[in-house]
PDB file of N, CA and C in Angstrom:
ATOM      1  N   MET A   1      16.492  11.880  18.492  1.00  0.00           N
ATOM      2  CA  MET A   1      15.804  11.002  17.587  1.00  0.00           C
ATOM      3  C   MET A   1      16.053   9.538  17.899  1.00  0.00           C
ATOM      4  N   ALA A   2      17.218   9.250  18.462  1.00  0.00           N
ATOM      5  CA  ALA A   2      17.534   7.858  18.756  1.00  0.00           C
ATOM      6  C   ALA A   2      16.612   7.297  19.836  1.00  0.00           C
ATOM      7  N   ASN A   3      16.154   8.149  20.746  1.00  0.00           N
ATOM      8  CA  ASN A   3      15.274   7.688  21.810  1.00  0.00           C
ATOM      9  C   ASN A   3      13.906   7.273  21.294  1.00  0.00           C
ATOM     10  N   GLN A   4      13.457   7.846  20.188  1.00  0.00           N
ATOM     11  CA  GLN A   4      12.162   7.502  19.638  1.00  0.00           C
ATOM     12  C   GLN A   4      12.157   6.111  19.017  1.00  0.00           C
ATOM     13  N   ASN A   5      13.297   5.667  18.509  1.00  0.00           N
ATOM     14  CA  ASN A   5      13.380   4.362  17.877  1.00  0.00           C
ATOM     15  C   ASN A   5      13.621   3.239  18.880  1.00  0.00           C
ATOM     16  N   THR A   6      14.025   3.586  20.085  1.00  0.00           N
ATOM     17  CA  THR A   6      14.318   2.576  21.087  1.00  0.00           C
ATOM     18  C   THR A   6      13.017   2.087  21.714  1.00  0.00           C
ATOM     19  N   LYS A   7      12.819   0.803  21.672  1.00  0.00           N
ATOM     20  CA  LYS A   7      11.613   0.228  22.272  1.00  0.00           C
ATOM     21  C   LYS A   7      11.980  -0.435  23.596  1.00  0.00           C
ATOM     22  N   VAL A   8      11.251  -0.087  24.615  1.00  0.00           N
ATOM     23  CA  VAL A   8      11.453  -0.680  25.927  1.00  0.00           C
ATOM     24  C   VAL A   8      10.322  -1.663  26.154  1.00  0.00           C
ATOM     25  N   PRO A   9      10.658  -2.919  26.372  1.00  0.00           N
ATOM     26  CA  PRO A   9       9.573  -3.890  26.572  1.00  0.00           C
ATOM     27  C   PRO A   9       8.818  -3.601  27.869  1.00  0.00           C
ATOM     28  N   LYS A  10       7.516  -3.745  27.822  1.00  0.00           N
ATOM     29  CA  LYS A  10       6.697  -3.544  29.011  1.00  0.00           C
ATOM     30  C   LYS A  10       6.741  -4.814  29.849  1.00  0.00           C
ATOM     31  N   ILE A  11       7.102  -4.645  31.104  1.00  0.00           N
ATOM     32  CA  ILE A  11       7.176  -5.769  32.033  1.00  0.00           C
ATOM     33  C   ILE A  11       5.867  -5.814  32.800  1.00  0.00           C
ATOM     34  N   PRO A  12       5.228  -6.975  32.867  1.00  0.00           N
ATOM     35  CA  PRO A  12       4.003  -7.065  33.648  1.00  0.00           C
ATOM     36  C   PRO A  12       4.263  -6.721  35.118  1.00  0.00           C
ATOM     37  N   GLU A  13       3.259  -6.187  35.778  1.00  0.00           N
ATOM     38  CA  GLU A  13       3.391  -5.736  37.169  1.00  0.00           C
ATOM     39  C   GLU A  13       3.886  -6.854  38.086  1.00  0.00           C
ATOM     40  N   GLU A  14       3.479  -8.074  37.832  1.00  0.00           N
ATOM     41  CA  GLU A  14       3.880  -9.180  38.716  1.00  0.00           C
ATOM     42  C   GLU A  14       5.345  -9.553  38.589  1.00  0.00           C
ATOM     43  N   TYR A  15       6.002  -9.143  37.495  1.00  0.00           N
ATOM     44  CA  TYR A  15       7.417  -9.443  37.291  1.00  0.00           C
ATOM     45  C   TYR A  15       8.307  -8.208  37.436  1.00  0.00           C
ATOM     46  N   ARG A  16       7.730  -7.074  37.766  1.00  0.00           N
ATOM     47  CA  ARG A  16       8.496  -5.831  37.852  1.00  0.00           C
ATOM     48  C   ARG A  16       9.545  -5.945  38.954  1.00  0.00           C
ATOM     49  N   PRO A  17      10.802  -5.603  38.656  1.00  0.00           N
ATOM     50  CA  PRO A  17      11.852  -5.729  39.675  1.00  0.00           C
ATOM     51  C   PRO A  17      11.676  -4.737  40.819  1.00  0.00           C
ATOM     52  N   ILE A  18      12.203  -5.112  41.964  1.00  0.00           N
ATOM     53  CA  ILE A  18      12.174  -4.256  43.142  1.00  0.00           C
ATOM     54  C   ILE A  18      13.474  -3.452  43.155  1.00  0.00           C
ATOM     55  N   SER A  19      13.372  -2.191  43.478  1.00  0.00           N
ATOM     56  CA  SER A  19      14.565  -1.349  43.505  1.00  0.00           C
ATOM     57  C   SER A  19      15.439  -1.695  44.709  1.00  0.00           C
ATOM     58  N   MET A  20      16.658  -1.174  44.693  1.00  0.00           N
ATOM     59  CA  MET A  20      17.568  -1.398  45.809  1.00  0.00           C
ATOM     60  C   MET A  20      16.985  -0.826  47.089  1.00  0.00           C
ATOM     61  N   TRP A  21      16.367   0.352  47.006  1.00  0.00           N
ATOM     62  CA  TRP A  21      15.767   0.961  48.193  1.00  0.00           C
ATOM     63  C   TRP A  21      14.540   0.169  48.640  1.00  0.00           C
ATOM     64  N   GLY A  22      13.879  -0.465  47.691  1.00  0.00           N
ATOM     65  CA  GLY A  22      12.752  -1.320  48.048  1.00  0.00           C
ATOM     66  C   GLY A  22      13.214  -2.504  48.883  1.00  0.00           C
ATOM     67  N   TYR A  23      14.280  -3.165  48.433  1.00  0.00           N
ATOM     68  CA  TYR A  23      14.832  -4.276  49.212  1.00  0.00           C
ATOM     69  C   TYR A  23      15.291  -3.805  50.592  1.00  0.00           C
ATOM     70  N   PHE A  24      15.920  -2.643  50.627  1.00  0.00           N
ATOM     71  CA  PHE A  24      16.399  -2.088  51.899  1.00  0.00           C
ATOM     72  C   PHE A  24      15.233  -1.839  52.853  1.00  0.00           C
ATOM     73  N   GLY A  25      14.159  -1.250  52.340  1.00  0.00           N
ATOM     74  CA  GLY A  25      12.989  -0.982  53.166  1.00  0.00           C
ATOM     75  C   GLY A  25      12.306  -2.249  53.636  1.00  0.00           C
ATOM     76  N   TYR A  26      12.163  -3.230  52.735  1.00  0.00           N
ATOM     77  CA  TYR A  26      11.549  -4.497  53.135  1.00  0.00           C
ATOM     78  C   TYR A  26      12.408  -5.222  54.164  1.00  0.00           C
ATOM     79  N   GLU A  27      13.729  -5.125  54.020  1.00  0.00           N
ATOM     80  CA  GLU A  27      14.637  -5.754  54.989  1.00  0.00           C
ATOM     81  C   GLU A  27      14.440  -5.152  56.384  1.00  0.00           C
ATOM     82  N   ILE A  28      14.308  -3.833  56.447  1.00  0.00           N
ATOM     83  CA  ILE A  28      14.064  -3.179  57.730  1.00  0.00           C
ATOM     84  C   ILE A  28      12.698  -3.591  58.279  1.00  0.00           C
ATOM     85  N   LEU A  29      11.682  -3.605  57.415  1.00  0.00           N
ATOM     86  CA  LEU A  29      10.339  -3.999  57.848  1.00  0.00           C
ATOM     87  C   LEU A  29      10.323  -5.429  58.371  1.00  0.00           C
ATOM     88  N   PHE A  30      10.971  -6.339  57.659  1.00  0.00           N
ATOM     89  CA  PHE A  30      10.958  -7.743  58.049  1.00  0.00           C
ATOM     90  C   PHE A  30      11.784  -8.019  59.302  1.00  0.00           C
ATOM     91  N   SER A  31      12.691  -7.121  59.657  1.00  0.00           N
ATOM     92  CA  SER A  31      13.532  -7.353  60.831  1.00  0.00           C
ATOM     93  C   SER A  31      12.874  -6.903  62.130  1.00  0.00           C
ATOM     94  N   ILE A  32      11.717  -6.278  62.059  1.00  0.00           N
ATOM     95  CA  ILE A  32      10.997  -5.876  63.269  1.00  0.00           C
ATOM     96  C   ILE A  32      10.407  -7.133  63.907  1.00  0.00           C
ATOM     97  N   PRO A  33      10.693  -7.375  65.171  1.00  0.00           N
ATOM     98  CA  PRO A  33      10.160  -8.584  65.805  1.00  0.00           C
ATOM     99  C   PRO A  33       8.627  -8.606  65.800  1.00  0.00           C
ATOM    100  N   ILE A  34       8.082  -9.759  65.628  1.00  0.00           N
ATOM    101  CA  ILE A  34       6.665 -10.101  65.611  1.00  0.00           C
ATOM    102  C   ILE A  34       5.919  -9.412  64.460  1.00  0.00           C
ATOM    103  N   ILE A  35       5.883  -8.085  64.413  1.00  0.00           N
ATOM    104  CA  ILE A  35       5.169  -7.392  63.336  1.00  0.00           C
ATOM    105  C   ILE A  35       5.823  -7.693  61.986  1.00  0.00           C
ATOM    106  N   GLY A  36       7.130  -7.635  61.933  1.00  0.00           N
ATOM    107  CA  GLY A  36       7.848  -7.940  60.702  1.00  0.00           C
ATOM    108  C   GLY A  36       7.673  -9.384  60.285  1.00  0.00           C
ATOM    109  N   TRP A  37       7.632 -10.275  61.262  1.00  0.00           N
ATOM    110  CA  TRP A  37       7.437 -11.692  60.953  1.00  0.00           C
ATOM    111  C   TRP A  37       6.050 -11.940  60.378  1.00  0.00           C
ATOM    112  N   ILE A  38       5.071 -11.208  60.873  1.00  0.00           N
ATOM    113  CA  ILE A  38       3.719 -11.326  60.321  1.00  0.00           C
ATOM    114  C   ILE A  38       3.711 -10.826  58.875  1.00  0.00           C
ATOM    115  N   PHE A  39       4.395  -9.703  58.620  1.00  0.00           N
ATOM    116  CA  PHE A  39       4.493  -9.198  57.256  1.00  0.00           C
ATOM    117  C   PHE A  39       5.219 -10.184  56.346  1.00  0.00           C
ATOM    118  N   VAL A  40       6.241 -10.850  56.853  1.00  0.00           N
ATOM    119  CA  VAL A  40       6.959 -11.856  56.057  1.00  0.00           C
ATOM    120  C   VAL A  40       5.996 -12.946  55.622  1.00  0.00           C
ATOM    121  N   ILE A  41       5.198 -13.443  56.547  1.00  0.00           N
ATOM    122  CA  ILE A  41       4.261 -14.522  56.221  1.00  0.00           C
ATOM    123  C   ILE A  41       3.210 -14.038  55.233  1.00  0.00           C
ATOM    124  N   VAL A  42       2.682 -12.844  55.460  1.00  0.00           N
ATOM    125  CA  VAL A  42       1.659 -12.309  54.556  1.00  0.00           C
ATOM    126  C   VAL A  42       2.230 -12.107  53.152  1.00  0.00           C
ATOM    127  N   PHE A  43       3.389 -11.477  53.040  1.00  0.00           N
ATOM    128  CA  PHE A  43       3.979 -11.251  51.725  1.00  0.00           C
ATOM    129  C   PHE A  43       4.411 -12.555  51.061  1.00  0.00           C
ATOM    130  N   ALA A  44       4.883 -13.511  51.837  1.00  0.00           N
ATOM    131  CA  ALA A  44       5.307 -14.791  51.264  1.00  0.00           C
ATOM    132  C   ALA A  44       4.129 -15.557  50.673  1.00  0.00           C
ATOM    133  N   LEU A  45       2.953 -15.333  51.214  1.00  0.00           N
ATOM    134  CA  LEU A  45       1.785 -16.070  50.737  1.00  0.00           C
ATOM    135  C   LEU A  45       0.930 -15.292  49.736  1.00  0.00           C
ATOM    136  N   THR A  46       0.883 -13.956  49.840  1.00  0.00           N
ATOM    137  CA  THR A  46      -0.097 -13.217  49.058  1.00  0.00           C
ATOM    138  C   THR A  46       0.453 -12.093  48.182  1.00  0.00           C
ATOM    139  N   ALA A  47       1.739 -11.834  48.151  1.00  0.00           N
ATOM    140  CA  ALA A  47       2.267 -10.712  47.358  1.00  0.00           C
ATOM    141  C   ALA A  47       2.018 -10.955  45.872  1.00  0.00           C
ATOM    142  N   SER A  48       1.558  -9.924  45.192  1.00  0.00           N
ATOM    143  CA  SER A  48       1.273 -10.062  43.763  1.00  0.00           C
ATOM    144  C   SER A  48       2.559 -10.010  42.933  1.00  0.00           C
ATOM    145  N   ASN A  49       3.584  -9.341  43.422  1.00  0.00           N
ATOM    146  CA  ASN A  49       4.863  -9.271  42.732  1.00  0.00           C
ATOM    147  C   ASN A  49       5.682 -10.515  43.083  1.00  0.00           C
ATOM    148  N   ILE A  50       6.085 -11.239  42.087  1.00  0.00           N
ATOM    149  CA  ILE A  50       6.815 -12.497  42.308  1.00  0.00           C
ATOM    150  C   ILE A  50       8.157 -12.253  42.977  1.00  0.00           C
ATOM    151  N   ASN A  51       8.827 -11.154  42.641  1.00  0.00           N
ATOM    152  CA  ASN A  51      10.116 -10.849  43.262  1.00  0.00           C
ATOM    153  C   ASN A  51       9.951 -10.581  44.755  1.00  0.00           C
ATOM    154  N   LEU A  52       8.921  -9.846  45.118  1.00  0.00           N
ATOM    155  CA  LEU A  52       8.659  -9.577  46.532  1.00  0.00           C
ATOM    156  C   LEU A  52       8.270 -10.861  47.255  1.00  0.00           C
ATOM    157  N   ARG A  53       7.463 -11.682  46.620  1.00  0.00           N
ATOM    158  CA  ARG A  53       7.055 -12.950  47.233  1.00  0.00           C
ATOM    159  C   ARG A  53       8.263 -13.854  47.479  1.00  0.00           C
ATOM    160  N   ASN A  54       9.167 -13.942  46.506  1.00  0.00           N
ATOM    161  CA  ASN A  54      10.361 -14.773  46.683  1.00  0.00           C
ATOM    162  C   ASN A  54      11.293 -14.198  47.742  1.00  0.00           C
ATOM    163  N   PHE A  55      11.417 -12.868  47.798  1.00  0.00           N
ATOM    164  CA  PHE A  55      12.244 -12.252  48.831  1.00  0.00           C
ATOM    165  C   PHE A  55      11.660 -12.528  50.209  1.00  0.00           C
ATOM    166  N   ALA A  56      10.348 -12.424  50.351  1.00  0.00           N
ATOM    167  CA  ALA A  56       9.702 -12.715  51.636  1.00  0.00           C
ATOM    168  C   ALA A  56       9.878 -14.182  52.006  1.00  0.00           C
ATOM    169  N   ARG A  57       9.805 -15.059  51.036  1.00  0.00           N
ATOM    170  CA  ARG A  57      10.012 -16.490  51.323  1.00  0.00           C
ATOM    171  C   ARG A  57      11.446 -16.758  51.769  1.00  0.00           C
ATOM    172  N   SER A  58      12.413 -16.063  51.163  1.00  0.00           N
ATOM    173  CA  SER A  58      13.796 -16.249  51.603  1.00  0.00           C
ATOM    174  C   SER A  58      13.985 -15.730  53.028  1.00  0.00           C
ATOM    175  N   GLN A  59      13.338 -14.624  53.374  1.00  0.00           N
ATOM    176  CA  GLN A  59      13.413 -14.101  54.741  1.00  0.00           C
ATOM    177  C   GLN A  59      12.725 -15.049  55.718  1.00  0.00           C
ATOM    178  N   PHE A  60      11.627 -15.663  55.290  1.00  0.00           N
ATOM    179  CA  PHE A  60      10.935 -16.632  56.136  1.00  0.00           C
ATOM    180  C   PHE A  60      11.833 -17.845  56.411  1.00  0.00           C
ATOM    181  N   CYS A  61      12.521 -18.317  55.379  1.00  0.00           N
ATOM    182  CA  CYS A  61      13.462 -19.427  55.572  1.00  0.00           C
ATOM    183  C   CYS A  61      14.585 -19.035  56.520  1.00  0.00           C
ATOM    184  N   LEU A  62      15.059 -17.805  56.413  1.00  0.00           N
ATOM    185  CA  LEU A  62      16.104 -17.308  57.305  1.00  0.00           C
ATOM    186  C   LEU A  62      15.613 -17.266  58.754  1.00  0.00           C
ATOM    187  N   ILE A  63      14.383 -16.823  58.957  1.00  0.00           N
ATOM    188  CA  ILE A  63      13.798 -16.798  60.304  1.00  0.00           C
ATOM    189  C   ILE A  63      13.703 -18.216  60.862  1.00  0.00           C
ATOM    190  N   LEU A  64      13.279 -19.169  60.030  1.00  0.00           N
ATOM    191  CA  LEU A  64      13.178 -20.560  60.485  1.00  0.00           C
ATOM    192  C   LEU A  64      14.546 -21.130  60.859  1.00  0.00           C
ATOM    193  N   ILE A  65      15.554 -20.827  60.060  1.00  0.00           N
ATOM    194  CA  ILE A  65      16.906 -21.313  60.362  1.00  0.00           C
ATOM    195  C   ILE A  65      17.390 -20.745  61.689  1.00  0.00           C
ATOM    196  N   TRP A  66      17.183 -19.430  61.910  1.00  0.00           N
ATOM    197  CA  TRP A  66      17.589 -18.821  63.180  1.00  0.00           C
ATOM    198  C   TRP A  66      16.826 -19.422  64.354  1.00  0.00           C
ATOM    199  N   ALA A  67      15.531 -19.682  64.169  1.00  0.00           N
ATOM    200  CA  ALA A  67      14.727 -20.259  65.250  1.00  0.00           C
ATOM    201  C   ALA A  67      15.233 -21.656  65.612  1.00  0.00           C
ATOM    202  N   VAL A  68      15.539 -22.454  64.608  1.00  0.00           N
ATOM    203  CA  VAL A  68      16.058 -23.803  64.863  1.00  0.00           C
ATOM    204  C   VAL A  68      17.410 -23.734  65.571  1.00  0.00           C
ATOM    205  N   LEU A  69      18.276 -22.820  65.123  1.00  0.00           N
ATOM    206  CA  LEU A  69      19.576 -22.679  65.774  1.00  0.00           C
ATOM    207  C   LEU A  69      19.431 -22.262  67.237  1.00  0.00           C
ATOM    208  N   TRP A  70      18.533 -21.307  67.519  1.00  0.00           N
ATOM    209  CA  TRP A  70      18.329 -20.884  68.899  1.00  0.00           C
ATOM    210  C   TRP A  70      17.749 -22.007  69.748  1.00  0.00           C
ATOM    211  N   ILE A  71      16.871 -22.794  69.177  1.00  0.00           N
ATOM    212  CA  ILE A  71      16.305 -23.928  69.927  1.00  0.00           C
ATOM    213  C   ILE A  71      17.399 -24.944  70.235  1.00  0.00           C
ATOM    214  N   VAL A  72      18.237 -25.231  69.243  1.00  0.00           N
ATOM    215  CA  VAL A  72      19.333 -26.186  69.466  1.00  0.00           C
ATOM    216  C   VAL A  72      20.299 -25.654  70.518  1.00  0.00           C
ATOM    217  N   ILE A  73      20.641 -24.387  70.425  1.00  0.00           N
ATOM    218  CA  ILE A  73      21.552 -23.795  71.406  1.00  0.00           C
ATOM    219  C   ILE A  73      20.946 -23.822  72.800  1.00  0.00           C
ATOM    220  N   ALA A  74      19.664 -23.493  72.885  1.00  0.00           N
ATOM    221  CA  ALA A  74      18.997 -23.500  74.194  1.00  0.00           C
ATOM    222  C   ALA A  74      18.931 -24.909  74.769  1.00  0.00           C
ATOM    223  N   CYS A  75      18.613 -25.874  73.938  1.00  0.00           N
ATOM    224  CA  CYS A  75      18.517 -27.253  74.428  1.00  0.00           C
ATOM    225  C   CYS A  75      19.881 -27.798  74.837  1.00  0.00           C
ATOM    226  N   THR A  76      20.908 -27.504  74.073  1.00  0.00           N
ATOM    227  CA  THR A  76      22.231 -28.003  74.438  1.00  0.00           C
ATOM    228  C   THR A  76      22.751 -27.286  75.673  1.00  0.00           C
ATOM    229  N   GLY A  77      22.383 -26.022  75.846  1.00  0.00           N
ATOM    230  CA  GLY A  77      22.780 -25.309  77.057  1.00  0.00           C
ATOM    231  C   GLY A  77      22.109 -25.890  78.288  1.00  0.00           C
ATOM    232  N   VAL A  78      20.855 -26.223  78.169  1.00  0.00           N
ATOM    233  CA  VAL A  78      20.134 -26.844  79.286  1.00  0.00           C
ATOM    234  C   VAL A  78      20.705 -28.232  79.549  1.00  0.00           C
ATOM    235  N   LEU A  79      20.962 -28.966  78.480  1.00  0.00           N
ATOM    236  CA  LEU A  79      21.526 -30.303  78.646  1.00  0.00           C
ATOM    237  C   LEU A  79      22.908 -30.225  79.290  1.00  0.00           C
ATOM    238  N   ALA A  80      23.717 -29.258  78.872  1.00  0.00           N
ATOM    239  CA  ALA A  80      25.046 -29.105  79.456  1.00  0.00           C
ATOM    240  C   ALA A  80      24.957 -28.739  80.930  1.00  0.00           C
ATOM    241  N   SER A  81      24.022 -27.864  81.271  1.00  0.00           N
ATOM    242  CA  SER A  81      23.900 -27.493  82.699  1.00  0.00           C
ATOM    243  C   SER A  81      23.384 -28.672  83.524  1.00  0.00           C
ATOM    244  N   MET A  82      22.533 -29.479  82.942  1.00  0.00           N
ATOM    245  CA  MET A  82      22.043 -30.672  83.664  1.00  0.00           C
ATOM    246  C   MET A  82      23.176 -31.666  83.886  1.00  0.00           C
ATOM    247  N   LEU A  83      24.022 -31.859  82.882  1.00  0.00           N
ATOM    248  CA  LEU A  83      25.147 -32.772  83.027  1.00  0.00           C
ATOM    249  C   LEU A  83      26.161 -32.239  84.027  1.00  0.00           C
ATOM    250  N   THR A  84      26.387 -30.929  84.049  1.00  0.00           N
ATOM    251  CA  THR A  84      27.307 -30.321  84.990  1.00  0.00           C
ATOM    252  C   THR A  84      26.751 -30.431  86.414  1.00  0.00           C
ATOM    253  N   ALA A  85      25.462 -30.233  86.575  1.00  0.00           N
ATOM    254  CA  ALA A  85      24.839 -30.339  87.888  1.00  0.00           C
ATOM    255  C   ALA A  85      24.894 -31.776  88.389  1.00  0.00           C
ATOM    256  N   ALA A  86      24.798 -32.753  87.526  1.00  0.00           N
ATOM    257  CA  ALA A  86      24.848 -34.147  87.931  1.00  0.00           C
ATOM    258  C   ALA A  86      26.254 -34.509  88.433  1.00  0.00           C
ATOM    259  N   LYS A  87      27.278 -33.915  87.901  1.00  0.00           N
ATOM    260  CA  LYS A  87      28.647 -34.201  88.326  1.00  0.00           C
ATOM    261  C   LYS A  87      28.956 -33.586  89.686  1.00  0.00           C
ATOM    262  N   LEU A  88      28.263 -32.503  90.037  1.00  0.00           N
ATOM    263  CA  LEU A  88      28.521 -31.832  91.316  1.00  0.00           C
ATOM    264  C   LEU A  88      28.037 -32.664  92.499  1.00  0.00           C
ATOM    265  N   TYR A  89      27.039 -33.474  92.310  1.00  0.00           N
ATOM    266  CA  TYR A  89      26.492 -34.230  93.456  1.00  0.00           C
ATOM    267  C   TYR A  89      27.209 -35.509  93.643  1.00  0.00           C
TER     268      TYR A  89
END
């Protein structure tokens, strides 16, 4: 009888939380090179669920941070090799 008196508020579909397995699955999907990155961009821009959209945006920011770090590492590695080569001559 206690269950009949308990009211559960209805959450609109756009605010419905994502389950732990949902996050796990999206994390695997987003980690696939190129295809996952396309899904990140699509979900970040068009997902109807706000939680999924925010998660995709956070993954997109993470991808951008990694890309910038790799570019910096690559440029400093090239710069270091150029400086080392200049000392050899």
